[in-house]
Amino acid sequence: MTHLLSPTVFITGGAGFIGSALIRLLVNESDWKIVNIDKLTYAGNLESLTGVTSNPRYIFSHTDICDRPALDRLFALHKPTGVIHLAAESHVDRSIHGPEIYSD
């Protein structure tokens, strides 16, 4: 009988409100390995993950998703089954006061 490995999933923005709730759920209710990729801007709060940080299936990477070489290294190291992308600048007032960071 073939033993299937548990999937590894990247979650971007995992220190945010929605991302941390999803990570807590997945660590507590599945056998998935979770790699939390977060830049830790104003919206990131690692304290919301204190209940799962000691779990061996949880890994935190302080990484900007715009850093392609860093992401390439993470993909090579962990070989994820999937990515759940939750990283975003969500406050409209921030885009009004500083729109240049949202344009190319």
PDB file of N, CA and C in Angstrom:
ATOM      1  N   MET A   1       0.841  -1.177   0.000  1.00  0.00           N
ATOM      2  CA  MET A   1       0.000   0.000   0.000  1.00  0.00           C
ATOM      3  C   MET A   1       0.884   1.236   0.000  1.00  0.00           C
ATOM      4  N   THR A   2       0.579   2.189  -0.870  1.00  0.00           N
ATOM      5  CA  THR A   2       1.349   3.412  -0.978  1.00  0.00           C
ATOM      6  C   THR A   2       0.913   4.394   0.097  1.00  0.00           C
ATOM      7  N   HIS A   3       1.893   4.959   0.784  1.00  0.00           N
ATOM      8  CA  HIS A   3       1.609   5.965   1.794  1.00  0.00           C
ATOM      9  C   HIS A   3       1.664   7.340   1.137  1.00  0.00           C
ATOM     10  N   LEU A   4       0.575   8.068   1.165  1.00  0.00           N
ATOM     11  CA  LEU A   4       0.537   9.403   0.591  1.00  0.00           C
ATOM     12  C   LEU A   4       0.967  10.417   1.640  1.00  0.00           C
ATOM     13  N   LEU A   5       1.847  11.305   1.242  1.00  0.00           N
ATOM     14  CA  LEU A   5       2.287  12.356   2.139  1.00  0.00           C
ATOM     15  C   LEU A   5       1.206  13.421   2.267  1.00  0.00           C
ATOM     16  N   SER A   6       1.165  14.050   3.404  1.00  0.00           N
ATOM     17  CA  SER A   6       0.236  15.159   3.596  1.00  0.00           C
ATOM     18  C   SER A   6       0.677  16.330   2.734  1.00  0.00           C
ATOM     19  N   PRO A   7      -0.274  17.070   2.183  1.00  0.00           N
ATOM     20  CA  PRO A   7       0.103  18.182   1.316  1.00  0.00           C
ATOM     21  C   PRO A   7       0.774  19.314   2.085  1.00  0.00           C
ATOM     22  N   THR A   8       1.628  20.011   1.381  1.00  0.00           N
ATOM     23  CA  THR A   8       2.223  21.246   1.875  1.00  0.00           C
ATOM     24  C   THR A   8       1.555  22.389   1.139  1.00  0.00           C
ATOM     25  N   VAL A   9       1.077  23.374   1.885  1.00  0.00           N
ATOM     26  CA  VAL A   9       0.366  24.500   1.297  1.00  0.00           C
ATOM     27  C   VAL A   9       1.019  25.797   1.755  1.00  0.00           C
ATOM     28  N   PHE A  10       1.255  26.694   0.794  1.00  0.00           N
ATOM     29  CA  PHE A  10       1.706  28.041   1.110  1.00  0.00           C
ATOM     30  C   PHE A  10       0.473  28.905   1.334  1.00  0.00           C
ATOM     31  N   ILE A  11       0.506  29.707   2.374  1.00  0.00           N
ATOM     32  CA  ILE A  11      -0.543  30.703   2.590  1.00  0.00           C
ATOM     33  C   ILE A  11       0.144  32.051   2.681  1.00  0.00           C
ATOM     34  N   THR A  12      -0.134  32.917   1.693  1.00  0.00           N
ATOM     35  CA  THR A  12       0.439  34.258   1.725  1.00  0.00           C
ATOM     36  C   THR A  12      -0.486  35.143   2.556  1.00  0.00           C
ATOM     37  N   GLY A  13       0.114  36.073   3.266  1.00  0.00           N
ATOM     38  CA  GLY A  13      -0.685  36.933   4.139  1.00  0.00           C
ATOM     39  C   GLY A  13      -1.218  36.201   5.344  1.00  0.00           C
ATOM     40  N   GLY A  14      -0.507  35.188   5.781  1.00  0.00           N
ATOM     41  CA  GLY A  14      -0.983  34.341   6.870  1.00  0.00           C
ATOM     42  C   GLY A  14      -0.981  34.979   8.243  1.00  0.00           C
ATOM     43  N   ALA A  15      -0.375  36.148   8.378  1.00  0.00           N
ATOM     44  CA  ALA A  15      -0.405  36.851   9.664  1.00  0.00           C
ATOM     45  C   ALA A  15      -1.529  37.882   9.710  1.00  0.00           C
ATOM     46  N   GLY A  16      -2.290  37.986   8.638  1.00  0.00           N
ATOM     47  CA  GLY A  16      -3.437  38.888   8.600  1.00  0.00           C
ATOM     48  C   GLY A  16      -4.648  38.250   9.255  1.00  0.00           C
ATOM     49  N   PHE A  17      -5.737  38.988   9.306  1.00  0.00           N
ATOM     50  CA  PHE A  17      -6.946  38.529   9.980  1.00  0.00           C
ATOM     51  C   PHE A  17      -7.489  37.236   9.384  1.00  0.00           C
ATOM     52  N   ILE A  18      -7.704  37.211   8.081  1.00  0.00           N
ATOM     53  CA  ILE A  18      -8.270  36.022   7.428  1.00  0.00           C
ATOM     54  C   ILE A  18      -7.235  34.906   7.347  1.00  0.00           C
ATOM     55  N   GLY A  19      -6.006  35.262   6.977  1.00  0.00           N
ATOM     56  CA  GLY A  19      -4.952  34.254   6.854  1.00  0.00           C
ATOM     57  C   GLY A  19      -4.673  33.520   8.148  1.00  0.00           C
ATOM     58  N   SER A  20      -4.620  34.259   9.255  1.00  0.00           N
ATOM     59  CA  SER A  20      -4.334  33.597  10.540  1.00  0.00           C
ATOM     60  C   SER A  20      -5.486  32.695  10.967  1.00  0.00           C
ATOM     61  N   ALA A  21      -6.718  33.097  10.672  1.00  0.00           N
ATOM     62  CA  ALA A  21      -7.868  32.242  10.998  1.00  0.00           C
ATOM     63  C   ALA A  21      -7.810  30.952  10.178  1.00  0.00           C
ATOM     64  N   LEU A  22      -7.466  31.068   8.903  1.00  0.00           N
ATOM     65  CA  LEU A  22      -7.365  29.880   8.057  1.00  0.00           C
ATOM     66  C   LEU A  22      -6.231  28.966   8.527  1.00  0.00           C
ATOM     67  N   ILE A  23      -5.096  29.549   8.865  1.00  0.00           N
ATOM     68  CA  ILE A  23      -3.970  28.737   9.337  1.00  0.00           C
ATOM     69  C   ILE A  23      -4.337  28.005  10.618  1.00  0.00           C
ATOM     70  N   ARG A  24      -4.957  28.682  11.561  1.00  0.00           N
ATOM     71  CA  ARG A  24      -5.358  28.015  12.809  1.00  0.00           C
ATOM     72  C   ARG A  24      -6.295  26.857  12.508  1.00  0.00           C
ATOM     73  N   LEU A  25      -7.248  27.065  11.613  1.00  0.00           N
ATOM     74  CA  LEU A  25      -8.181  26.004  11.233  1.00  0.00           C
ATOM     75  C   LEU A  25      -7.446  24.821  10.606  1.00  0.00           C
ATOM     76  N   LEU A  26      -6.577  25.093   9.639  1.00  0.00           N
ATOM     77  CA  LEU A  26      -5.895  24.005   8.930  1.00  0.00           C
ATOM     78  C   LEU A  26      -4.921  23.247   9.824  1.00  0.00           C
ATOM     79  N   VAL A  27      -4.217  23.946  10.690  1.00  0.00           N
ATOM     80  CA  VAL A  27      -3.288  23.254  11.591  1.00  0.00           C
ATOM     81  C   VAL A  27      -4.062  22.383  12.575  1.00  0.00           C
ATOM     82  N   ASN A  28      -5.182  22.882  13.051  1.00  0.00           N
ATOM     83  CA  ASN A  28      -5.959  22.139  14.053  1.00  0.00           C
ATOM     84  C   ASN A  28      -6.860  21.061  13.464  1.00  0.00           C
ATOM     85  N   GLU A  29      -7.283  21.200  12.216  1.00  0.00           N
ATOM     86  CA  GLU A  29      -8.288  20.291  11.650  1.00  0.00           C
ATOM     87  C   GLU A  29      -7.792  19.443  10.480  1.00  0.00           C
ATOM     88  N   SER A  30      -6.526  19.558  10.113  1.00  0.00           N
ATOM     89  CA  SER A  30      -6.011  18.767   8.987  1.00  0.00           C
ATOM     90  C   SER A  30      -4.623  18.240   9.342  1.00  0.00           C
ATOM     91  N   ASP A  31      -4.056  17.495   8.409  1.00  0.00           N
ATOM     92  CA  ASP A  31      -2.685  17.040   8.595  1.00  0.00           C
ATOM     93  C   ASP A  31      -1.741  17.765   7.639  1.00  0.00           C
ATOM     94  N   TRP A  32      -2.199  18.880   7.075  1.00  0.00           N
ATOM     95  CA  TRP A  32      -1.412  19.643   6.124  1.00  0.00           C
ATOM     96  C   TRP A  32      -0.225  20.314   6.793  1.00  0.00           C
ATOM     97  N   LYS A  33       0.844  20.446   6.037  1.00  0.00           N
ATOM     98  CA  LYS A  33       1.977  21.271   6.439  1.00  0.00           C
ATOM     99  C   LYS A  33       1.703  22.666   5.873  1.00  0.00           C
ATOM    100  N   ILE A  34       1.768  23.675   6.717  1.00  0.00           N
ATOM    101  CA  ILE A  34       1.433  25.036   6.329  1.00  0.00           C
ATOM    102  C   ILE A  34       2.683  25.902   6.379  1.00  0.00           C
ATOM    103  N   VAL A  35       2.972  26.580   5.275  1.00  0.00           N
ATOM    104  CA  VAL A  35       4.050  27.561   5.232  1.00  0.00           C
ATOM    105  C   VAL A  35       3.394  28.933   5.100  1.00  0.00           C
ATOM    106  N   ASN A  36       3.508  29.718   6.150  1.00  0.00           N
ATOM    107  CA  ASN A  36       2.939  31.061   6.217  1.00  0.00           C
ATOM    108  C   ASN A  36       3.973  32.038   5.663  1.00  0.00           C
ATOM    109  N   ILE A  37       3.636  32.675   4.543  1.00  0.00           N
ATOM    110  CA  ILE A  37       4.533  33.641   3.914  1.00  0.00           C
ATOM    111  C   ILE A  37       3.930  35.022   4.108  1.00  0.00           C
ATOM    112  N   ASP A  38       4.604  35.850   4.885  1.00  0.00           N
ATOM    113  CA  ASP A  38       4.056  37.175   5.188  1.00  0.00           C
ATOM    114  C   ASP A  38       5.178  38.193   5.314  1.00  0.00           C
ATOM    115  N   LYS A  39       4.944  39.377   4.777  1.00  0.00           N
ATOM    116  CA  LYS A  39       5.894  40.481   4.842  1.00  0.00           C
ATOM    117  C   LYS A  39       5.830  41.200   6.198  1.00  0.00           C
ATOM    118  N   LEU A  40       4.749  40.996   6.913  1.00  0.00           N
ATOM    119  CA  LEU A  40       4.508  41.634   8.212  1.00  0.00           C
ATOM    120  C   LEU A  40       4.463  43.158   8.099  1.00  0.00           C
ATOM    121  N   THR A  41       3.531  43.632   7.279  1.00  0.00           N
ATOM    122  CA  THR A  41       3.281  45.068   7.204  1.00  0.00           C
ATOM    123  C   THR A  41       2.325  45.439   8.335  1.00  0.00           C
ATOM    124  N   TYR A  42       1.652  46.562   8.208  1.00  0.00           N
ATOM    125  CA  TYR A  42       0.722  47.039   9.239  1.00  0.00           C
ATOM    126  C   TYR A  42      -0.367  46.022   9.573  1.00  0.00           C
ATOM    127  N   ALA A  43      -0.741  45.169   8.624  1.00  0.00           N
ATOM    128  CA  ALA A  43      -1.860  44.253   8.839  1.00  0.00           C
ATOM    129  C   ALA A  43      -1.443  42.911   9.443  1.00  0.00           C
ATOM    130  N   GLY A  44      -0.156  42.620   9.456  1.00  0.00           N
ATOM    131  CA  GLY A  44       0.304  41.333   9.964  1.00  0.00           C
ATOM    132  C   GLY A  44       0.486  41.345  11.471  1.00  0.00           C
ATOM    133  N   ASN A  45       0.031  40.277  12.110  1.00  0.00           N
ATOM    134  CA  ASN A  45       0.139  40.167  13.563  1.00  0.00           C
ATOM    135  C   ASN A  45       0.409  38.705  13.914  1.00  0.00           C
ATOM    136  N   LEU A  46       1.650  38.396  14.206  1.00  0.00           N
ATOM    137  CA  LEU A  46       2.004  37.015  14.531  1.00  0.00           C
ATOM    138  C   LEU A  46       1.409  36.541  15.852  1.00  0.00           C
ATOM    139  N   GLU A  47       0.989  37.470  16.706  1.00  0.00           N
ATOM    140  CA  GLU A  47       0.369  37.070  17.971  1.00  0.00           C
ATOM    141  C   GLU A  47      -0.929  36.303  17.752  1.00  0.00           C
ATOM    142  N   SER A  48      -1.573  36.513  16.622  1.00  0.00           N
ATOM    143  CA  SER A  48      -2.809  35.787  16.331  1.00  0.00           C
ATOM    144  C   SER A  48      -2.551  34.319  16.003  1.00  0.00           C
ATOM    145  N   LEU A  49      -1.282  33.937  15.892  1.00  0.00           N
ATOM    146  CA  LEU A  49      -0.917  32.558  15.561  1.00  0.00           C
ATOM    147  C   LEU A  49      -0.224  31.830  16.701  1.00  0.00           C
ATOM    148  N   THR A  50      -0.206  32.411  17.899  1.00  0.00           N
ATOM    149  CA  THR A  50       0.534  31.808  19.006  1.00  0.00           C
ATOM    150  C   THR A  50       0.075  30.390  19.327  1.00  0.00           C
ATOM    151  N   GLY A  51      -1.157  30.053  19.047  1.00  0.00           N
ATOM    152  CA  GLY A  51      -1.647  28.711  19.339  1.00  0.00           C
ATOM    153  C   GLY A  51      -1.119  27.636  18.410  1.00  0.00           C
ATOM    154  N   VAL A  52      -0.523  28.016  17.277  1.00  0.00           N
ATOM    155  CA  VAL A  52      -0.050  27.011  16.313  1.00  0.00           C
ATOM    156  C   VAL A  52       1.448  27.084  16.043  1.00  0.00           C
ATOM    157  N   THR A  53       2.119  28.106  16.535  1.00  0.00           N
ATOM    158  CA  THR A  53       3.524  28.296  16.176  1.00  0.00           C
ATOM    159  C   THR A  53       4.435  27.168  16.648  1.00  0.00           C
ATOM    160  N   SER A  54       4.041  26.448  17.667  1.00  0.00           N
ATOM    161  CA  SER A  54       4.870  25.339  18.143  1.00  0.00           C
ATOM    162  C   SER A  54       4.576  24.025  17.414  1.00  0.00           C
ATOM    163  N   ASN A  55       3.571  24.021  16.544  1.00  0.00           N
ATOM    164  CA  ASN A  55       3.234  22.818  15.797  1.00  0.00           C
ATOM    165  C   ASN A  55       4.305  22.560  14.730  1.00  0.00           C
ATOM    166  N   PRO A  56       4.823  21.356  14.634  1.00  0.00           N
ATOM    167  CA  PRO A  56       5.874  21.073  13.651  1.00  0.00           C
ATOM    168  C   PRO A  56       5.402  21.166  12.200  1.00  0.00           C
ATOM    169  N   ARG A  57       4.097  21.194  11.966  1.00  0.00           N
ATOM    170  CA  ARG A  57       3.569  21.327  10.605  1.00  0.00           C
ATOM    171  C   ARG A  57       3.373  22.791  10.199  1.00  0.00           C
ATOM    172  N   TYR A  58       3.742  23.722  11.069  1.00  0.00           N
ATOM    173  CA  TYR A  58       3.609  25.148  10.780  1.00  0.00           C
ATOM    174  C   TYR A  58       4.994  25.767  10.637  1.00  0.00           C
ATOM    175  N   ILE A  59       5.183  26.501   9.550  1.00  0.00           N
ATOM    176  CA  ILE A  59       6.448  27.203   9.299  1.00  0.00           C
ATOM    177  C   ILE A  59       6.119  28.638   8.926  1.00  0.00           C
ATOM    178  N   PHE A  60       6.855  29.582   9.503  1.00  0.00           N
ATOM    179  CA  PHE A  60       6.687  30.988   9.145  1.00  0.00           C
ATOM    180  C   PHE A  60       7.895  31.451   8.343  1.00  0.00           C
ATOM    181  N   SER A  61       7.628  32.164   7.250  1.00  0.00           N
ATOM    182  CA  SER A  61       8.687  32.768   6.456  1.00  0.00           C
ATOM    183  C   SER A  61       8.400  34.257   6.305  1.00  0.00           C
ATOM    184  N   HIS A  62       9.257  35.085   6.877  1.00  0.00           N
ATOM    185  CA  HIS A  62       9.123  36.544   6.767  1.00  0.00           C
ATOM    186  C   HIS A  62       9.644  36.950   5.392  1.00  0.00           C
ATOM    187  N   THR A  63       8.736  36.923   4.416  1.00  0.00           N
ATOM    188  CA  THR A  63       9.110  37.108   3.016  1.00  0.00           C
ATOM    189  C   THR A  63       8.098  38.000   2.315  1.00  0.00           C
ATOM    190  N   ASP A  64       8.607  38.888   1.472  1.00  0.00           N
ATOM    191  CA  ASP A  64       7.775  39.731   0.611  1.00  0.00           C
ATOM    192  C   ASP A  64       7.448  38.906  -0.639  1.00  0.00           C
ATOM    193  N   ILE A  65       6.173  38.776  -0.970  1.00  0.00           N
ATOM    194  CA  ILE A  65       5.800  37.974  -2.141  1.00  0.00           C
ATOM    195  C   ILE A  65       6.272  38.595  -3.456  1.00  0.00           C
ATOM    196  N   CYS A  66       6.740  39.836  -3.419  1.00  0.00           N
ATOM    197  CA  CYS A  66       7.311  40.472  -4.611  1.00  0.00           C
ATOM    198  C   CYS A  66       8.791  40.121  -4.797  1.00  0.00           C
ATOM    199  N   ASP A  67       9.367  39.409  -3.852  1.00  0.00           N
ATOM    200  CA  ASP A  67      10.772  39.014  -3.912  1.00  0.00           C
ATOM    201  C   ASP A  67      10.863  37.653  -4.607  1.00  0.00           C
ATOM    202  N   ARG A  68      10.990  37.669  -5.918  1.00  0.00           N
ATOM    203  CA  ARG A  68      10.968  36.448  -6.718  1.00  0.00           C
ATOM    204  C   ARG A  68      12.045  35.438  -6.317  1.00  0.00           C
ATOM    205  N   PRO A  69      13.311  35.876  -6.125  1.00  0.00           N
ATOM    206  CA  PRO A  69      14.329  34.890  -5.729  1.00  0.00           C
ATOM    207  C   PRO A  69      13.998  34.207  -4.393  1.00  0.00           C
ATOM    208  N   ALA A  70      13.449  34.954  -3.448  1.00  0.00           N
ATOM    209  CA  ALA A  70      13.082  34.365  -2.154  1.00  0.00           C
ATOM    210  C   ALA A  70      11.954  33.352  -2.330  1.00  0.00           C
ATOM    211  N   LEU A  71      10.967  33.687  -3.162  1.00  0.00           N
ATOM    212  CA  LEU A  71       9.870  32.744  -3.415  1.00  0.00           C
ATOM    213  C   LEU A  71      10.367  31.503  -4.148  1.00  0.00           C
ATOM    214  N   ASP A  72      11.272  31.698  -5.098  1.00  0.00           N
ATOM    215  CA  ASP A  72      11.845  30.544  -5.803  1.00  0.00           C
ATOM    216  C   ASP A  72      12.514  29.587  -4.810  1.00  0.00           C
ATOM    217  N   ARG A  73      13.242  30.151  -3.836  1.00  0.00           N
ATOM    218  CA  ARG A  73      13.900  29.314  -2.822  1.00  0.00           C
ATOM    219  C   ARG A  73      12.872  28.562  -1.979  1.00  0.00           C
ATOM    220  N   LEU A  74      11.783  29.255  -1.595  1.00  0.00           N
ATOM    221  CA  LEU A  74      10.743  28.595  -0.791  1.00  0.00           C
ATOM    222  C   LEU A  74      10.070  27.468  -1.573  1.00  0.00           C
ATOM    223  N   PHE A  75       9.783  27.711  -2.851  1.00  0.00           N
ATOM    224  CA  PHE A  75       9.171  26.663  -3.671  1.00  0.00           C
ATOM    225  C   PHE A  75      10.104  25.462  -3.815  1.00  0.00           C
ATOM    226  N   ALA A  76      11.390  25.724  -4.015  1.00  0.00           N
ATOM    227  CA  ALA A  76      12.351  24.623  -4.154  1.00  0.00           C
ATOM    228  C   ALA A  76      12.496  23.842  -2.848  1.00  0.00           C
ATOM    229  N   LEU A  77      12.468  24.528  -1.739  1.00  0.00           N
ATOM    230  CA  LEU A  77      12.653  23.893  -0.444  1.00  0.00           C
ATOM    231  C   LEU A  77      11.437  23.076  -0.010  1.00  0.00           C
ATOM    232  N   HIS A  78      10.242  23.636  -0.165  1.00  0.00           N
ATOM    233  CA  HIS A  78       9.037  23.007   0.385  1.00  0.00           C
ATOM    234  C   HIS A  78       8.190  22.251  -0.640  1.00  0.00           C
ATOM    235  N   LYS A  79       8.339  22.557  -1.914  1.00  0.00           N
ATOM    236  CA  LYS A  79       7.582  21.891  -2.981  1.00  0.00           C
ATOM    237  C   LYS A  79       6.080  21.799  -2.647  1.00  0.00           C
ATOM    238  N   PRO A  80       5.420  22.954  -2.553  1.00  0.00           N
ATOM    239  CA  PRO A  80       4.012  22.948  -2.130  1.00  0.00           C
ATOM    240  C   PRO A  80       3.080  22.301  -3.144  1.00  0.00           C
ATOM    241  N   THR A  81       2.010  21.750  -2.612  1.00  0.00           N
ATOM    242  CA  THR A  81       0.937  21.204  -3.437  1.00  0.00           C
ATOM    243  C   THR A  81       0.068  22.338  -3.983  1.00  0.00           C
ATOM    244  N   GLY A  82      -0.043  23.413  -3.202  1.00  0.00           N
ATOM    245  CA  GLY A  82      -0.862  24.533  -3.620  1.00  0.00           C
ATOM    246  C   GLY A  82      -0.507  25.799  -2.873  1.00  0.00           C
ATOM    247  N   VAL A  83      -1.104  26.902  -3.346  1.00  0.00           N
ATOM    248  CA  VAL A  83      -0.909  28.212  -2.741  1.00  0.00           C
ATOM    249  C   VAL A  83      -2.278  28.842  -2.531  1.00  0.00           C
ATOM    250  N   ILE A  84      -2.493  29.338  -1.327  1.00  0.00           N
ATOM    251  CA  ILE A  84      -3.695  30.123  -1.041  1.00  0.00           C
ATOM    252  C   ILE A  84      -3.211  31.547  -0.834  1.00  0.00           C
ATOM    253  N   HIS A  85      -3.563  32.411  -1.775  1.00  0.00           N
ATOM    254  CA  HIS A  85      -3.024  33.773  -1.795  1.00  0.00           C
ATOM    255  C   HIS A  85      -3.983  34.733  -1.094  1.00  0.00           C
ATOM    256  N   LEU A  86      -3.592  35.174   0.092  1.00  0.00           N
ATOM    257  CA  LEU A  86      -4.413  36.091   0.875  1.00  0.00           C
ATOM    258  C   LEU A  86      -3.695  37.405   1.176  1.00  0.00           C
ATOM    259  N   ALA A  87      -2.485  37.576   0.688  1.00  0.00           N
ATOM    260  CA  ALA A  87      -1.737  38.809   0.938  1.00  0.00           C
ATOM    261  C   ALA A  87      -2.325  39.930   0.086  1.00  0.00           C
ATOM    262  N   ALA A  88      -2.646  41.042   0.732  1.00  0.00           N
ATOM    263  CA  ALA A  88      -3.212  42.172   0.001  1.00  0.00           C
ATOM    264  C   ALA A  88      -3.172  43.426   0.864  1.00  0.00           C
ATOM    265  N   GLU A  89      -3.106  44.551   0.201  1.00  0.00           N
ATOM    266  CA  GLU A  89      -3.306  45.835   0.864  1.00  0.00           C
ATOM    267  C   GLU A  89      -4.806  46.085   0.791  1.00  0.00           C
ATOM    268  N   SER A  90      -5.465  46.078   1.920  1.00  0.00           N
ATOM    269  CA  SER A  90      -6.922  46.093   1.888  1.00  0.00           C
ATOM    270  C   SER A  90      -7.560  47.398   2.338  1.00  0.00           C
ATOM    271  N   HIS A  91      -6.775  48.318   2.833  1.00  0.00           N
ATOM    272  CA  HIS A  91      -7.365  49.550   3.342  1.00  0.00           C
ATOM    273  C   HIS A  91      -7.411  50.603   2.244  1.00  0.00           C
ATOM    274  N   VAL A  92      -8.617  50.986   1.828  1.00  0.00           N
ATOM    275  CA  VAL A  92      -8.796  51.940   0.742  1.00  0.00           C
ATOM    276  C   VAL A  92      -8.104  53.257   1.055  1.00  0.00           C
ATOM    277  N   ASP A  93      -8.169  53.706   2.308  1.00  0.00           N
ATOM    278  CA  ASP A  93      -7.543  54.980   2.646  1.00  0.00           C
ATOM    279  C   ASP A  93      -6.042  54.964   2.400  1.00  0.00           C
ATOM    280  N   ARG A  94      -5.403  53.832   2.531  1.00  0.00           N
ATOM    281  CA  ARG A  94      -3.966  53.744   2.241  1.00  0.00           C
ATOM    282  C   ARG A  94      -3.706  53.950   0.754  1.00  0.00           C
ATOM    283  N   SER A  95      -4.593  53.472  -0.113  1.00  0.00           N
ATOM    284  CA  SER A  95      -4.396  53.664  -1.543  1.00  0.00           C
ATOM    285  C   SER A  95      -4.679  55.099  -1.963  1.00  0.00           C
ATOM    286  N   ILE A  96      -5.497  55.796  -1.220  1.00  0.00           N
ATOM    287  CA  ILE A  96      -5.774  57.198  -1.528  1.00  0.00           C
ATOM    288  C   ILE A  96      -4.585  58.078  -1.130  1.00  0.00           C
ATOM    289  N   HIS A  97      -4.007  57.815   0.025  1.00  0.00           N
ATOM    290  CA  HIS A  97      -2.906  58.629   0.537  1.00  0.00           C
ATOM    291  C   HIS A  97      -1.558  58.264  -0.076  1.00  0.00           C
ATOM    292  N   GLY A  98      -1.437  57.077  -0.616  1.00  0.00           N
ATOM    293  CA  GLY A  98      -0.160  56.660  -1.196  1.00  0.00           C
ATOM    294  C   GLY A  98      -0.344  55.754  -2.394  1.00  0.00           C
ATOM    295  N   PRO A  99      -1.019  56.235  -3.454  1.00  0.00           N
ATOM    296  CA  PRO A  99      -1.342  55.356  -4.592  1.00  0.00           C
ATOM    297  C   PRO A  99      -0.127  54.872  -5.367  1.00  0.00           C
ATOM    298  N   GLU A 100       0.995  55.545  -5.249  1.00  0.00           N
ATOM    299  CA  GLU A 100       2.173  55.164  -6.046  1.00  0.00           C
ATOM    300  C   GLU A 100       2.659  53.743  -5.730  1.00  0.00           C
ATOM    301  N   ILE A 101       2.423  53.237  -4.524  1.00  0.00           N
ATOM    302  CA  ILE A 101       2.880  51.878  -4.214  1.00  0.00           C
ATOM    303  C   ILE A 101       2.015  50.806  -4.886  1.00  0.00           C
ATOM    304  N   TYR A 102       0.883  51.210  -5.462  1.00  0.00           N
ATOM    305  CA  TYR A 102      -0.023  50.254  -6.101  1.00  0.00           C
ATOM    306  C   TYR A 102       0.089  50.274  -7.610  1.00  0.00           C
ATOM    307  N   SER A 103       0.974  51.079  -8.160  1.00  0.00           N
ATOM    308  CA  SER A 103       1.104  51.161  -9.607  1.00  0.00           C
ATOM    309  C   SER A 103       2.492  50.712 -10.037  1.00  0.00           C
ATOM    310  N   ASP A 104       2.594  50.290 -11.284  1.00  0.00           N
ATOM    311  CA  ASP A 104       3.896  49.851 -11.828  1.00  0.00           C
ATOM    312  C   ASP A 104       4.645  51.021 -12.403  1.00  0.00           C
TER     313      ASP A 104
END
